[in-house]
N, C-alpha and C. Protein backbone atom coordinates (compact mmCIF):
# COMPACT_ATOMS: atom_id res chain seq x y z
N UNK A 1 -110.51 10.65 16.21
CA UNK A 1 -110.04 10.27 14.88
C UNK A 1 -110.19 11.27 13.66
N UNK A 2 -109.08 11.25 12.80
CA UNK A 2 -108.86 12.32 11.97
C UNK A 2 -110.10 11.90 11.14
N UNK A 3 -110.25 12.86 10.22
CA UNK A 3 -110.91 13.57 9.54
C UNK A 3 -110.61 12.78 8.07
N UNK A 4 -109.48 12.37 8.14
CA UNK A 4 -108.95 11.46 6.58
C UNK A 4 -107.69 10.23 7.67
N UNK A 5 -107.61 9.54 6.59
CA UNK A 5 -106.68 8.55 7.21
C UNK A 5 -105.68 9.26 6.29
N UNK A 6 -105.34 9.72 4.89
CA UNK A 6 -104.03 9.94 5.21
C UNK A 6 -103.50 11.61 6.04
N UNK A 7 -103.99 11.84 6.66
CA UNK A 7 -103.87 12.88 7.62
C UNK A 7 -102.66 12.65 9.12
N UNK A 8 -102.78 11.31 9.26
CA UNK A 8 -102.52 10.90 10.46
C UNK A 8 -102.70 8.59 10.97
N UNK A 9 -102.62 9.19 9.82
CA UNK A 9 -102.74 7.56 9.71
C UNK A 9 -103.70 6.42 9.31
N UNK A 10 -103.50 5.19 9.12
CA UNK A 10 -104.62 4.07 9.34
C UNK A 10 -106.78 5.52 10.23
N UNK A 11 -107.79 4.86 9.80
CA UNK A 11 -109.13 5.37 10.89
C UNK A 11 -108.46 4.70 12.07
N UNK A 12 -108.57 3.61 12.29
CA UNK A 12 -108.73 2.74 13.44
C UNK A 12 -107.30 1.63 13.03
N UNK A 13 -105.79 1.54 13.93
CA UNK A 13 -105.49 0.80 14.02
C UNK A 13 -105.17 -0.06 14.02
N UNK A 14 -105.63 -0.49 14.23
CA UNK A 14 -106.55 -2.06 14.56
C UNK A 14 -107.52 -2.87 13.24
N UNK A 15 -107.64 -2.52 12.52
CA UNK A 15 -108.55 -2.62 12.25
C UNK A 15 -108.53 -2.30 10.48
N UNK A 16 -108.87 -2.53 9.24
CA UNK A 16 -108.48 -2.82 7.99
C UNK A 16 -110.17 -2.15 7.72
N UNK A 17 -110.77 -1.06 6.82
CA UNK A 17 -111.55 0.18 7.45
C UNK A 17 -111.59 -0.71 5.38
N UNK A 18 -112.36 -1.48 4.27
CA UNK A 18 -111.83 -1.43 2.89
C UNK A 18 -112.73 -1.25 2.22
N UNK A 19 -113.76 -0.20 2.99
CA UNK A 19 -114.32 0.35 2.44
C UNK A 19 -114.20 2.14 2.31
N UNK A 20 -112.54 2.38 2.75
CA UNK A 20 -112.51 3.32 2.99
C UNK A 20 -110.91 2.80 1.86
N UNK A 21 -111.00 3.86 0.84
CA UNK A 21 -110.01 3.21 0.24
C UNK A 21 -108.18 4.42 0.12
N UNK A 22 -108.45 5.67 1.07
CA UNK A 22 -107.31 5.81 1.57
C UNK A 22 -107.22 4.86 3.22
N UNK A 23 -107.81 4.77 4.06
CA UNK A 23 -107.48 3.75 4.93
C UNK A 23 -105.98 2.09 4.06
N UNK A 24 -106.84 1.64 3.11
CA UNK A 24 -106.81 1.12 2.23
C UNK A 24 -105.38 0.84 1.94
N UNK A 25 -104.51 2.56 0.97
CA UNK A 25 -103.55 2.95 0.55
C UNK A 25 -103.32 2.83 1.61
N UNK A 26 -102.83 2.90 2.97
CA UNK A 26 -101.86 3.52 4.30
C UNK A 26 -101.17 2.42 4.48
N UNK A 27 -102.77 1.58 5.11
CA UNK A 27 -102.40 -0.04 5.20
C UNK A 27 -102.11 -0.63 3.63
N UNK A 28 -101.45 -0.80 2.29
CA UNK A 28 -100.89 -1.02 1.77
C UNK A 28 -99.25 -1.20 2.22
N UNK A 29 -99.28 0.27 1.66
CA UNK A 29 -97.78 1.03 1.77
C UNK A 29 -97.63 0.26 2.92
N UNK A 30 -97.92 0.48 4.39
CA UNK A 30 -97.67 -0.40 5.43
C UNK A 30 -96.87 -1.62 5.37
N UNK A 31 -97.52 -2.34 4.76
CA UNK A 31 -97.30 -3.81 3.95
C UNK A 31 -95.86 -4.26 3.28
N UNK A 32 -96.37 -3.31 2.28
CA UNK A 32 -95.12 -3.15 1.34
C UNK A 32 -96.42 -4.29 -0.12
N UNK A 33 -97.33 -3.81 0.39
CA UNK A 33 -98.16 -5.05 -0.79
C UNK A 33 -99.41 -3.99 -1.59
N UNK A 34 -100.51 -3.96 -2.69
CA UNK A 34 -100.86 -3.36 -3.35
C UNK A 34 -102.04 -3.03 -2.43
N UNK A 35 -103.33 -2.61 -3.04
CA UNK A 35 -103.87 -2.19 -2.20
C UNK A 35 -105.22 -3.53 -2.33
N UNK A 36 -104.76 -4.10 -3.67
CA UNK A 36 -106.43 -5.29 -3.81
C UNK A 36 -105.12 -6.79 -3.21
N UNK A 37 -104.05 -6.51 -2.81
CA UNK A 37 -103.78 -7.49 -1.74
C UNK A 37 -104.54 -7.34 0.02
N UNK A 38 -104.62 -6.09 -0.26
CA UNK A 38 -105.31 -5.46 1.38
C UNK A 38 -106.16 -6.10 1.20
N UNK A 39 -106.96 -5.90 0.35
CA UNK A 39 -108.25 -6.61 -0.09
C UNK A 39 -108.37 -7.58 0.24
N UNK A 40 -107.83 -8.74 -0.52
CA UNK A 40 -108.23 -9.43 -0.66
C UNK A 40 -107.66 -10.96 0.81
N UNK A 41 -106.55 -10.30 0.96
CA UNK A 41 -106.53 -10.51 2.03
C UNK A 41 -106.99 -10.40 3.98
N UNK A 42 -107.82 -9.03 3.24
CA UNK A 42 -109.13 -9.09 4.64
C UNK A 42 -110.60 -10.00 4.42
N UNK A 43 -110.55 -10.27 2.87
CA UNK A 43 -111.67 -10.72 2.98
C UNK A 43 -111.63 -13.13 3.67
N UNK A 44 -109.95 -12.72 3.05
CA UNK A 44 -109.63 -14.08 3.37
C UNK A 44 -109.41 -14.35 4.96
N UNK A 45 -108.85 -13.43 5.83
CA UNK A 45 -108.39 -13.35 7.02
C UNK A 45 -108.96 -11.96 8.20
N UNK A 46 -109.95 -11.66 7.62
CA UNK A 46 -110.60 -10.84 8.49
C UNK A 46 -109.97 -9.04 8.91
N UNK A 47 -111.09 -8.26 9.86
CA UNK A 47 -110.38 -6.37 9.06
C UNK A 47 -109.00 -6.58 10.51
N UNK A 48 -109.04 -8.12 10.98
CA UNK A 48 -107.99 -7.32 12.14
C UNK A 48 -106.78 -7.03 11.71
N UNK A 49 -105.58 -5.81 11.73
CA UNK A 49 -104.78 -5.92 10.43
C UNK A 49 -103.10 -6.89 10.50
N UNK A 50 -103.48 -7.47 12.33
CA UNK A 50 -102.29 -8.25 12.94
C UNK A 50 -102.39 -9.60 11.86
N UNK A 51 -104.15 -9.91 11.40
CA UNK A 51 -104.50 -11.55 11.33
C UNK A 51 -103.61 -11.18 9.55
N UNK A 52 -104.72 -9.33 9.24
CA UNK A 52 -103.79 -9.70 7.81
C UNK A 52 -102.67 -9.89 7.82
N UNK A 53 -101.78 -9.29 8.75
CA UNK A 53 -100.02 -8.91 8.18
C UNK A 53 -100.08 -10.66 8.39
N UNK A 54 -100.45 -11.43 9.57
CA UNK A 54 -99.64 -12.70 9.02
C UNK A 54 -100.53 -13.36 7.94
N UNK A 55 -101.36 -13.28 7.29
CA UNK A 55 -101.86 -14.05 6.11
C UNK A 55 -101.01 -13.16 4.84
N UNK A 56 -100.75 -11.81 4.83
CA UNK A 56 -99.98 -11.81 3.38
C UNK A 56 -98.59 -12.48 3.96
N UNK A 57 -98.23 -12.33 4.97
CA UNK A 57 -97.21 -12.90 5.40
C UNK A 57 -97.01 -14.43 5.08
N UNK A 58 -97.68 -15.08 5.43
CA UNK A 58 -97.80 -16.62 5.10
C UNK A 58 -98.29 -17.10 3.21
N UNK A 59 -98.95 -15.76 2.92
CA UNK A 59 -99.53 -16.22 0.62
C UNK A 59 -98.17 -15.90 0.59
N UNK A 60 -97.27 -14.64 0.71
CA UNK A 60 -96.46 -14.10 0.23
C UNK A 60 -95.59 -15.78 0.71
N UNK A 61 -94.34 -15.95 1.41
CA UNK A 61 -93.68 -16.57 2.00
C UNK A 61 -93.99 -18.26 0.82
N UNK A 62 -94.67 -18.11 0.52
CA UNK A 62 -95.40 -19.60 0.16
C UNK A 62 -95.63 -19.63 -1.27
N UNK A 63 -95.77 -18.37 -1.32
CA UNK A 63 -96.32 -18.83 -3.11
C UNK A 63 -95.11 -17.77 -4.00
N UNK A 64 -94.14 -17.86 -3.77
CA UNK A 64 -92.90 -17.05 -3.49
C UNK A 64 -93.08 -16.61 -5.55
N UNK A 65 -92.64 -17.51 -5.79
CA UNK A 65 -92.75 -16.93 -7.87
C UNK A 65 -93.90 -17.21 -8.02
N UNK A 66 -95.20 -18.52 -7.61
CA UNK A 66 -96.20 -18.23 -8.32
C UNK A 66 -96.67 -17.02 -9.06
N UNK A 67 -96.60 -15.19 -8.33
CA UNK A 67 -97.01 -14.69 -9.25
C UNK A 67 -96.57 -13.15 -9.84
């Protein structure tokens, strides 16, 4: 496991660690959203990256121009 997330990517490629800002930033860039969007999605869907991705996709698709 890398010492820091930005060296080779997320700490764990299946989970999002919201206590690690570097990890959140990597996932936010991957998903094309803000770090706050990632944190909110983890609160709603859990820390599994696939669940967060699905939540973000569903959330952004359903909200369209609400934000």
